[in-house]
Protein backbone atom coordinates (compact mmCIF):
# COMPACT_ATOMS: atom_id res chain seq x y z
CA UNK A 1 94.01 115.02 113.85
CA UNK A 2 92.11 117.99 112.55
CA UNK A 3 89.95 117.43 109.60
CA UNK A 4 88.36 119.66 107.25
CA UNK A 5 85.80 118.55 104.69
CA UNK A 6 84.33 120.46 101.73
CA UNK A 7 82.46 119.03 98.95
CA UNK A 8 80.80 120.58 95.70
CA UNK A 9 77.15 119.89 95.44
CA UNK A 10 77.70 117.48 93.03
CA UNK A 11 79.59 115.28 95.32
CA UNK A 12 77.93 116.06 98.93
CA UNK A 13 76.24 112.68 98.61
CA UNK A 14 79.35 110.91 97.80
CA UNK A 15 81.09 112.67 100.79
CA UNK A 16 78.05 111.72 103.15
CA UNK A 17 78.54 107.79 102.06
CA UNK A 18 82.59 108.18 102.96
CA UNK A 19 81.52 109.89 106.13
CA UNK A 20 78.97 107.18 107.39
CA UNK A 21 81.39 104.35 105.83
CA UNK A 22 84.35 105.61 108.15
CA UNK A 23 82.14 107.33 110.93
CA UNK A 24 84.10 105.17 113.64
CA UNK A 25 87.48 106.45 112.56
CA UNK A 26 86.33 110.32 111.97
CA UNK A 27 84.37 110.24 115.27
CA UNK A 28 88.09 110.18 116.97
CA UNK A 29 89.11 113.19 115.54
CA UNK A 30 88.14 116.97 115.39
CA UNK A 31 86.22 117.49 112.28
CA UNK A 32 84.91 121.19 110.54
CA UNK A 33 83.09 121.45 107.67
CA UNK A 34 81.40 124.11 105.42
CA UNK A 35 77.98 124.65 106.54
CA UNK A 36 75.54 122.60 104.16
CA UNK A 37 78.28 119.56 104.05
CA UNK A 38 78.73 119.76 107.92
CA UNK A 39 74.79 119.65 108.18
CA UNK A 40 74.42 116.63 105.70
CA UNK A 41 77.20 114.86 107.28
CA UNK A 42 76.13 115.33 111.08
CA UNK A 43 72.25 114.40 110.29
CA UNK A 44 73.37 111.38 108.64
CA UNK A 45 76.28 109.91 111.03
CA UNK A 46 75.79 111.80 114.28
CA UNK A 47 79.44 113.33 114.41
CA UNK A 48 79.91 116.48 115.71
CA UNK A 49 81.57 118.72 113.24
CA UNK A 50 82.01 122.51 113.25
CA UNK A 51 80.02 124.05 110.89
CA UNK A 52 81.67 127.07 109.34
CA UNK A 53 80.17 129.53 106.35
CA UNK A 54 78.88 128.09 103.34
CA UNK A 55 81.43 127.61 100.61
CA UNK A 56 80.09 130.74 98.47
CA UNK A 57 80.00 132.53 101.55
CA UNK A 58 83.50 132.34 102.65
CA UNK A 59 83.78 128.55 104.18
CA UNK A 60 86.45 127.80 101.55
CA UNK A 61 88.39 130.93 102.81
CA UNK A 62 88.10 129.86 106.59
CA UNK A 63 89.53 126.54 105.78
CA UNK A 64 92.35 127.99 103.87
CA UNK A 65 93.21 130.22 106.91
CA UNK A 66 93.14 127.33 109.30
CA UNK A 67 95.54 125.44 106.74
CA UNK A 68 97.95 128.80 106.82
CA UNK A 69 97.86 128.51 110.42
CA UNK A 70 98.82 124.75 110.62
CA UNK A 71 95.17 124.12 112.57
CA UNK A 72 94.24 121.62 109.93
CA UNK A 73 95.98 118.08 108.94
CA UNK A 74 93.90 116.46 106.75
CA UNK A 75 91.57 118.16 104.26
CA UNK A 76 88.88 116.10 102.22
CA UNK A 77 88.10 118.16 99.57
CA UNK A 78 85.66 116.68 97.05
CA UNK A 79 85.59 118.88 93.94
CA UNK A 80 83.34 118.88 90.72
CA UNK A 81 84.94 116.89 87.90
CA UNK A 82 83.51 118.76 85.05
CA UNK A 83 84.71 122.36 84.23
CA UNK A 84 82.30 125.42 84.23
CA UNK A 85 82.89 128.55 82.13
CA UNK A 86 80.95 130.81 83.89
CA UNK A 87 82.16 133.88 85.99
CA UNK A 88 81.31 132.06 89.42
CA UNK A 89 83.07 129.10 88.56
CA UNK A 90 86.07 131.21 87.63
CA UNK A 91 86.25 132.86 91.02
CA UNK A 92 85.48 129.51 92.53
CA UNK A 93 88.46 128.06 90.66
CA UNK A 94 90.95 130.41 92.04
CA UNK A 95 90.02 129.60 95.68
CA UNK A 96 90.11 126.30 94.83
CA UNK A 97 93.52 126.68 93.31
CA UNK A 98 94.34 128.67 96.70
CA UNK A 99 93.23 125.52 98.68
CA UNK A 100 95.78 123.39 96.76
CA UNK A 101 98.60 125.52 96.76
CA UNK A 102 98.35 126.01 100.65
CA UNK A 103 97.72 122.34 101.27
CA UNK A 104 101.09 121.77 99.37
CA UNK A 105 103.14 124.67 101.27
CA UNK A 106 101.97 123.48 104.77
CA UNK A 107 101.96 119.65 103.96
CA UNK A 108 98.66 119.18 104.62
CA UNK A 109 97.32 115.54 103.73
CA UNK A 110 94.65 116.02 100.71
CA UNK A 111 92.13 113.97 98.90
CA UNK A 112 89.93 115.59 96.26
CA UNK A 113 88.73 112.20 95.49
CA UNK A 114 87.11 108.77 97.12
CA UNK A 115 90.06 106.58 96.14
CA UNK A 116 92.72 108.95 98.20
CA UNK A 117 90.17 109.65 100.93
CA UNK A 118 89.74 106.12 101.73
CA UNK A 119 93.82 105.55 101.99
CA UNK A 120 94.41 108.36 103.87
CA UNK A 121 91.63 107.56 106.57
CA UNK A 122 92.43 103.74 106.72
CA UNK A 123 96.29 105.22 107.26
CA UNK A 124 94.80 107.14 109.93
CA UNK A 125 93.19 104.49 111.53
CA UNK A 126 96.48 102.57 111.61
CA UNK A 127 98.22 105.19 113.21
CA UNK A 128 100.42 105.86 110.10
CA UNK A 129 99.66 109.35 110.13
CA UNK A 130 100.85 110.08 114.16
CA UNK A 131 103.86 111.91 112.74
CA UNK A 132 101.58 114.80 112.24
CA UNK A 133 101.21 115.81 115.99
CA UNK A 134 105.33 115.90 115.98
CA UNK A 135 105.48 118.08 113.61
CA UNK A 136 102.55 120.30 113.99
CA UNK A 137 103.61 123.36 116.26
CA UNK A 138 100.12 123.45 117.48
CA UNK A 139 99.51 119.96 118.19
CA UNK A 140 98.55 118.82 121.68
CA UNK A 141 101.94 116.87 121.69
CA UNK A 142 103.83 119.56 121.12
CA UNK A 143 101.78 121.92 123.73
CA UNK A 144 102.29 119.71 126.47
CA UNK A 145 105.95 119.07 125.85
CA UNK A 146 106.32 122.76 126.13
CA UNK A 147 104.50 122.69 129.46
CA UNK A 148 106.38 120.30 130.97
């Protein structure tokens, strides 16, 4: 599975703790993350993470693009819980809403909090999400089937 990770500044520590707790499961999958979040997770866990741009420099848009091209199966997006009223936050709100909409359109599993993230990662370990390999046209499963 291909997993994308984004964490707001106020949620980075929680995301790192989550990844430490589930490092064994996450290590079996391909992970990308926004730059700072990816660096924190990689340093704390030793996980191999493809680091994209930082969120404010376009990392979230890079993940949105990958979702649009069916290159992401799961998005862990720990976002802020307190609304901000400044201009930057309003722009960020639009980026956030676009990410959430794309997950809906492309049937990407989405966790915006620790409870949902734990449910998804344990389902991943049990094999409950293997159906994603079959429905994703870019999956190794389907690419292998085309070659046969």
